[in-house]
């Protein structure tokens, strides 16, 4: 833990100054990312439903699921209004792409704001994945078993359904802090979209069972990616460090990866940077990361956590209980 006092205060001010010019949205960068990922996902879906091969159907469905997962990450940027910089447009687009997967993005957006305020500071954080030692000791035997196998359970068993249920439960838990309009809008919107999709399946004389299995395949793929990302971003780093901004830098994880994968995941491999400065758009996070590490070094403060890649980080952290 970083000692609180004058040094963090000076560092906070310097950090704010050093990234001040990076907190503006370049609209075409966001349009390109949203459009390209959406086109890749929809093209894969079209190929899945038009191929005469059963194997081809499932291969293209899995491919669509991968692109869908990265496309849905755009809704995270939209929650911060850093993808396009047009809040009303972003709110509409986020719902259009989320509701087919029963993702309550309106509720998520509100909970995510609480997460940014509470991460590393308040154990009520609705997106906290890591259990404390006290949590573990007071848990039932079944829950202790779950905690010991949390990575396996979250990624491969709970998946997308787990994320959806956790978000809806968070909406209920913090209903006094959230707008009920968002919850109602999400529930009605998801019901209408799914109703239209099921009606289209019936009209086209496609098997309803085939559609359900198709949706579940997408849910498995999207859920695995979403759960892995969520666990990696904070697990094992819960700590308070000399004020809110430094706490975000040290209670979030950056991950080394290639440029193209960083683009796919919306720059969230620089998650500590994003948490400290949520107004920086995805395409400017790499530059902000370099500047911030320089400032920390100049103030003789520890560097931000930088894990050596997603796969290695998963293998190293998956065996950690708390």
Protein backbone atom coordinates (compact mmCIF):
# COMPACT_ATOMS: atom_id res chain seq x y z
CA UNK A 1 0.00 0.00 0.00
CA UNK A 2 1.24 3.48 -0.86
CA UNK A 3 1.66 5.86 2.08
CA UNK A 4 -0.82 8.72 1.97
CA UNK A 5 0.39 12.30 2.28
CA UNK A 6 2.05 15.02 0.25
CA UNK A 7 3.66 12.77 -2.36
CA UNK A 8 0.39 11.27 -3.67
CA UNK A 9 -1.19 14.75 -3.70
CA UNK A 10 1.62 16.08 -5.87
CA UNK A 11 1.54 12.97 -8.06
CA UNK A 12 -2.23 13.28 -8.58
CA UNK A 13 -1.91 16.85 -9.80
CA UNK A 14 1.00 15.99 -12.11
CA UNK A 15 -0.84 12.96 -13.48
CA UNK A 16 -3.90 15.04 -14.30
CA UNK A 17 -1.78 17.59 -16.11
CA UNK A 18 0.21 15.03 -18.08
CA UNK A 19 -2.85 13.38 -19.66
CA UNK A 20 -5.12 16.42 -19.92
CA UNK A 21 -4.71 16.63 -23.70
CA UNK A 22 -5.71 12.98 -24.20
CA UNK A 23 -9.26 13.26 -22.89
CA UNK A 24 -11.00 14.11 -26.15
CA UNK A 25 -12.85 11.66 -28.39
CA UNK A 26 -11.74 11.15 -31.98
CA UNK A 27 -15.11 10.24 -33.47
CA UNK A 28 -13.88 8.37 -36.53
CA UNK A 29 -11.74 6.04 -34.41
CA UNK A 30 -14.86 4.99 -32.50
CA UNK A 31 -17.00 4.74 -35.64
CA UNK A 32 -14.39 2.56 -37.34
CA UNK A 33 -14.11 0.20 -34.38
CA UNK A 34 -17.86 -0.09 -33.82
CA UNK A 35 -18.60 -0.51 -37.51
CA UNK A 36 -15.86 -3.01 -38.30
CA UNK A 37 -16.59 -5.27 -35.32
CA UNK A 38 -20.31 -5.10 -36.03
CA UNK A 39 -19.80 -5.94 -39.69
CA UNK A 40 -17.55 -8.89 -38.77
CA UNK A 41 -20.11 -10.23 -36.29
CA UNK A 42 -23.11 -9.83 -38.60
CA UNK A 43 -21.21 -11.32 -41.56
CA UNK A 44 -20.31 -14.36 -39.45
CA UNK A 45 -23.96 -14.75 -38.45
CA UNK A 46 -25.06 -14.53 -42.08
CA UNK A 47 -22.53 -17.19 -43.06
CA UNK A 48 -23.69 -19.40 -40.18
CA UNK A 49 -27.35 -19.30 -41.20
CA UNK A 50 -26.74 -19.66 -44.94
CA UNK A 51 -24.14 -22.43 -44.99
CA UNK A 52 -25.52 -25.87 -45.87
CA UNK A 53 -22.94 -27.53 -43.60
CA UNK A 54 -23.86 -28.35 -40.01
CA UNK A 55 -20.23 -28.10 -38.97
CA UNK A 56 -19.96 -24.78 -40.81
CA UNK A 57 -23.01 -23.49 -38.96
CA UNK A 58 -21.41 -24.00 -35.56
CA UNK A 59 -17.96 -22.84 -36.64
CA UNK A 60 -19.38 -19.57 -37.93
CA UNK A 61 -21.59 -19.22 -34.85
CA UNK A 62 -18.56 -19.51 -32.57
CA UNK A 63 -16.72 -16.99 -34.77
CA UNK A 64 -19.69 -14.63 -34.49
CA UNK A 65 -19.61 -15.08 -30.72
CA UNK A 66 -15.98 -13.96 -30.56
CA UNK A 67 -16.67 -10.83 -32.60
CA UNK A 68 -19.87 -10.23 -30.63
CA UNK A 69 -17.92 -10.26 -27.36
CA UNK A 70 -15.55 -7.58 -28.63
CA UNK A 71 -18.44 -5.61 -30.14
CA UNK A 72 -20.23 -5.62 -26.79
CA UNK A 73 -17.12 -4.17 -25.17
CA UNK A 74 -18.00 -1.04 -27.15
CA UNK A 75 -20.95 -0.66 -24.76
CA UNK A 76 -18.41 -0.08 -21.99
CA UNK A 77 -16.99 2.88 -23.91
CA UNK A 78 -20.56 4.04 -24.57
CA UNK A 79 -21.30 3.96 -20.84
CA UNK A 80 -18.48 6.50 -20.45
CA UNK A 81 -19.47 8.32 -23.69
CA UNK A 82 -15.91 7.92 -24.95
CA UNK A 83 -16.57 5.87 -28.11
CA UNK A 84 -18.28 8.51 -30.24
CA UNK A 85 -18.72 11.41 -27.84
CA UNK A 86 -22.45 11.54 -28.71
CA UNK A 87 -24.28 10.37 -25.56
CA UNK A 88 -27.75 10.00 -27.07
CA UNK A 89 -26.50 8.05 -30.07
CA UNK A 90 -24.30 5.87 -27.87
CA UNK A 91 -27.20 5.10 -25.52
CA UNK A 92 -29.35 3.90 -28.43
CA UNK A 93 -26.61 1.87 -30.13
CA UNK A 94 -25.59 0.23 -26.85
CA UNK A 95 -29.12 -1.05 -26.33
CA UNK A 96 -29.57 -2.22 -29.91
CA UNK A 97 -26.54 -4.49 -29.75
CA UNK A 98 -27.02 -5.61 -26.12
CA UNK A 99 -30.66 -6.60 -25.93
CA UNK A 100 -30.41 -9.57 -28.35
CA UNK A 101 -28.02 -11.17 -25.82
CA UNK A 102 -30.28 -10.19 -22.88
CA UNK A 103 -27.56 -7.83 -21.63
CA UNK A 104 -29.20 -5.13 -19.41
CA UNK A 105 -26.82 -2.41 -20.53
CA UNK A 106 -28.79 0.44 -18.96
CA UNK A 107 -28.51 -1.12 -15.51
CA UNK A 108 -24.86 -1.98 -16.16
CA UNK A 109 -24.05 1.62 -17.08
CA UNK A 110 -25.35 2.86 -13.74
CA UNK A 111 -23.63 0.12 -11.72
CA UNK A 112 -20.41 0.76 -13.60
CA UNK A 113 -20.34 4.33 -12.36
CA UNK A 114 -20.55 3.01 -8.79
CA UNK A 115 -17.72 0.59 -9.60
CA UNK A 116 -15.46 3.44 -10.70
CA UNK A 117 -16.14 5.28 -7.46
CA UNK A 118 -15.77 2.29 -5.14
CA UNK A 119 -13.06 0.10 -6.65
CA UNK A 120 -10.35 -0.48 -4.04
CA UNK A 121 -12.22 1.72 -1.54
CA UNK A 122 -15.63 0.23 -0.74
CA UNK A 123 -16.32 -3.51 -0.57
CA UNK A 124 -19.87 -2.80 -1.79
CA UNK A 125 -18.38 -2.36 -5.30
CA UNK A 126 -20.95 -4.09 -7.59
CA UNK A 127 -18.20 -5.36 -9.93
CA UNK A 128 -15.92 -6.74 -7.22
CA UNK A 129 -14.81 -10.26 -8.18
CA UNK A 130 -12.28 -10.91 -5.45
CA UNK A 131 -13.47 -12.32 -2.14
CA UNK A 132 -11.84 -11.09 1.06
CA UNK A 133 -10.42 -13.49 3.66
CA UNK A 134 -13.32 -12.56 5.93
CA UNK A 135 -15.81 -13.29 3.13
CA UNK A 136 -14.26 -16.70 2.66
CA UNK A 137 -14.14 -17.57 6.36
CA UNK A 138 -17.81 -16.65 6.88
CA UNK A 139 -19.03 -18.43 3.74
CA UNK A 140 -20.84 -21.76 3.68
CA UNK A 141 -18.90 -24.89 2.61
CA UNK A 142 -20.50 -24.72 -0.84
CA UNK A 143 -19.48 -21.08 -1.31
CA UNK A 144 -15.94 -21.85 -0.14
CA UNK A 145 -15.77 -24.54 -2.81
CA UNK A 146 -16.96 -21.99 -5.36
CA UNK A 147 -14.32 -19.45 -4.27
CA UNK A 148 -11.56 -22.07 -4.60
CA UNK A 149 -12.75 -22.79 -8.14
CA UNK A 150 -14.01 -19.31 -9.01
CA UNK A 151 -12.13 -18.88 -12.27
CA UNK A 152 -13.29 -22.24 -13.63
CA UNK A 153 -16.87 -21.65 -12.47
CA UNK A 154 -17.16 -18.06 -13.66
CA UNK A 155 -15.57 -18.56 -17.07
CA UNK A 156 -16.82 -21.99 -18.11
CA UNK A 157 -19.99 -22.61 -16.08
CA UNK A 158 -21.65 -19.29 -15.19
CA UNK A 159 -20.47 -17.51 -18.35
CA UNK A 160 -22.72 -14.89 -19.89
CA UNK A 161 -25.78 -15.93 -17.87
CA UNK A 162 -23.73 -15.35 -14.72
CA UNK A 163 -22.84 -11.82 -15.83
CA UNK A 164 -26.48 -11.06 -16.69
CA UNK A 165 -27.79 -12.38 -13.36
CA UNK A 166 -25.08 -10.58 -11.37
CA UNK A 167 -25.95 -7.30 -13.11
CA UNK A 168 -29.69 -7.67 -12.50
CA UNK A 169 -29.03 -8.60 -8.85
CA UNK A 170 -26.81 -5.53 -8.55
CA UNK A 171 -29.62 -3.42 -9.98
CA UNK A 172 -31.96 -4.77 -7.31
CA UNK A 173 -29.38 -4.42 -4.52
CA UNK A 174 -28.66 -0.77 -5.33
CA UNK A 175 -32.15 0.16 -6.49
CA UNK A 176 -32.19 3.16 -4.16
CA UNK A 177 -29.17 4.58 -6.06
CA UNK A 178 -30.27 3.71 -9.58
CA UNK A 179 -32.98 4.83 -11.93
CA UNK A 180 -35.80 2.29 -12.15
CA UNK A 181 -36.51 3.58 -15.65
CA UNK A 182 -33.28 1.96 -16.87
CA UNK A 183 -34.26 -1.43 -15.45
CA UNK A 184 -37.76 -1.28 -16.91
CA UNK A 185 -36.42 -0.10 -20.27
CA UNK A 186 -33.91 -2.96 -20.37
CA UNK A 187 -36.47 -5.62 -19.41
CA UNK A 188 -39.07 -4.38 -21.91
CA UNK A 189 -36.47 -3.91 -24.65
CA UNK A 190 -34.98 -7.38 -24.17
CA UNK A 191 -38.44 -8.97 -24.18
CA UNK A 192 -39.45 -7.16 -27.38
CA UNK A 193 -36.20 -7.97 -29.21
CA UNK A 194 -36.30 -11.63 -28.23
CA UNK A 195 -39.98 -11.79 -29.15
CA UNK A 196 -39.21 -10.42 -32.62
CA UNK A 197 -36.31 -12.85 -33.09
CA UNK A 198 -38.40 -15.84 -32.03
CA UNK A 199 -41.25 -14.69 -34.32
CA UNK A 200 -38.79 -14.47 -37.22
CA UNK A 201 -37.62 -18.01 -36.45
CA UNK A 202 -41.19 -19.31 -36.45
CA UNK A 203 -42.09 -17.47 -39.68
CA UNK A 204 -39.01 -18.82 -41.41
CA UNK A 205 -39.94 -22.37 -40.32
CA UNK A 206 -36.62 -22.71 -38.49
CA UNK A 207 -36.52 -25.03 -35.51
CA UNK A 208 -37.02 -23.11 -32.27
CA UNK A 209 -34.69 -25.58 -30.56
CA UNK A 210 -32.00 -24.75 -33.12
CA UNK A 211 -32.38 -21.05 -32.35
CA UNK A 212 -32.12 -21.69 -28.59
CA UNK A 213 -28.96 -23.77 -29.07
CA UNK A 214 -27.59 -21.08 -31.38
CA UNK A 215 -28.23 -18.38 -28.74
CA UNK A 216 -26.67 -20.53 -26.03
CA UNK A 217 -23.57 -21.04 -28.18
CA UNK A 218 -23.21 -17.27 -28.54
CA UNK A 219 -23.80 -16.85 -24.80
CA UNK A 220 -21.06 -19.37 -23.95
CA UNK A 221 -18.46 -17.68 -26.16
CA UNK A 222 -19.37 -14.11 -25.19
CA UNK A 223 -19.58 -15.08 -21.51
CA UNK A 224 -16.19 -16.76 -21.43
CA UNK A 225 -14.51 -13.67 -22.84
CA UNK A 226 -16.47 -11.27 -20.61
CA UNK A 227 -15.80 -13.26 -17.43
CA UNK A 228 -12.10 -13.66 -18.20
CA UNK A 229 -11.75 -9.95 -18.84
CA UNK A 230 -13.62 -9.06 -15.66
CA UNK A 231 -11.50 -11.32 -13.47
CA UNK A 232 -8.20 -10.17 -14.93
CA UNK A 233 -8.90 -6.47 -14.59
CA UNK A 234 -8.89 -6.36 -10.79
CA UNK A 235 -8.46 -9.78 -9.16
CA UNK A 236 -5.82 -9.83 -6.42
CA UNK A 237 -5.21 -6.06 -6.43
CA UNK A 238 -7.76 -4.69 -3.97
CA UNK A 239 -6.01 -1.92 -2.02
CA UNK A 240 -6.32 1.72 -1.03
CA UNK A 241 -3.39 3.90 -2.03
CA UNK A 242 -3.24 7.56 -1.05
CA UNK A 243 -6.46 8.89 -2.54
CA UNK A 244 -8.95 7.87 -5.20
CA UNK A 245 -6.83 8.36 -8.30
CA UNK A 246 -3.78 6.46 -7.07
CA UNK A 247 -6.06 3.77 -5.66
CA UNK A 248 -7.43 3.22 -9.16
CA UNK A 249 -3.93 2.98 -10.63
CA UNK A 250 -2.83 0.37 -8.09
CA UNK A 251 -6.04 -1.64 -7.69
CA UNK A 252 -6.43 -2.32 -11.41
CA UNK A 253 -4.31 -4.42 -13.76
CA UNK A 254 -2.66 -3.54 -17.07
CA UNK A 255 -1.79 -6.38 -19.43
CA UNK A 256 0.78 -6.63 -22.17
CA UNK A 257 -0.68 -7.60 -25.52
CA UNK A 258 -0.36 -6.92 -29.22
CA UNK A 259 -1.67 -3.72 -30.79
CA UNK A 260 -4.40 -5.50 -32.70
CA UNK A 261 -5.71 -7.31 -29.60
CA UNK A 262 -5.60 -4.08 -27.60
CA UNK A 263 -7.75 -2.53 -30.34
CA UNK A 264 -10.18 -5.45 -30.23
CA UNK A 265 -10.61 -5.21 -26.48
CA UNK A 266 -11.03 -1.47 -26.57
CA UNK A 267 -7.77 -0.62 -24.82
CA UNK A 268 -8.97 -2.27 -21.62
CA UNK A 269 -5.65 -4.06 -21.29
CA UNK A 270 -4.66 -0.61 -19.93
CA UNK A 271 -7.32 -0.97 -17.28
CA UNK A 272 -5.52 0.88 -14.49
CA UNK A 273 -5.13 3.89 -16.77
CA UNK A 274 -8.81 3.71 -17.70
CA UNK A 275 -9.86 3.57 -14.04
CA UNK A 276 -7.81 6.59 -13.06
CA UNK A 277 -8.90 8.55 -16.14
CA UNK A 278 -12.19 7.15 -17.49
CA UNK A 279 -12.51 10.13 -19.83
CA UNK A 280 -9.59 8.98 -21.99
CA UNK A 281 -10.91 7.16 -25.11
CA UNK A 282 -9.67 3.67 -25.96
CA UNK A 283 -7.30 4.73 -28.75
CA UNK A 284 -5.37 7.09 -26.46
CA UNK A 285 -4.90 4.75 -23.50
CA UNK A 286 -1.54 3.32 -24.72
CA UNK A 287 0.01 6.79 -24.85
CA UNK A 288 -1.49 7.70 -21.48
CA UNK A 289 -0.01 4.53 -20.00
CA UNK A 290 3.50 5.53 -21.00
CA UNK A 291 3.12 9.05 -19.66
CA UNK A 292 1.72 7.88 -16.33
CA UNK A 293 4.48 5.33 -15.77
CA UNK A 294 7.00 8.14 -16.36
CA UNK A 295 5.31 10.40 -13.78
CA UNK A 296 5.22 7.61 -11.20
CA UNK A 297 8.91 6.92 -11.74
CA UNK A 298 9.75 10.63 -11.39
CA UNK A 299 7.95 10.71 -8.05
CA UNK A 300 9.73 7.51 -6.95
CA UNK A 301 6.42 5.66 -6.68
CA UNK A 302 5.81 2.03 -7.70
CA UNK A 303 4.94 1.38 -11.32
CA UNK A 304 1.45 0.18 -12.19
CA UNK A 305 0.92 -3.55 -12.39
CA UNK A 306 1.69 -4.82 -15.89
CA UNK A 307 0.94 -8.52 -16.33
CA UNK A 308 2.75 -10.44 -19.12
CA UNK A 309 -0.21 -11.22 -21.37
CA UNK A 310 -3.72 -12.58 -20.93
CA UNK A 311 -2.99 -16.31 -21.03
CA UNK A 312 -0.07 -16.16 -18.61
CA UNK A 313 -2.04 -13.93 -16.26
CA UNK A 314 -4.98 -16.36 -16.25
CA UNK A 315 -2.73 -19.33 -15.51
CA UNK A 316 -0.98 -17.45 -12.69
CA UNK A 317 -4.10 -16.02 -11.04
CA UNK A 318 -6.55 -18.88 -11.47
CA UNK A 319 -5.04 -20.81 -8.54
CA UNK A 320 -5.27 -17.85 -6.17
CA UNK A 321 -8.17 -18.07 -3.68
CA UNK A 322 -8.28 -14.53 -2.21
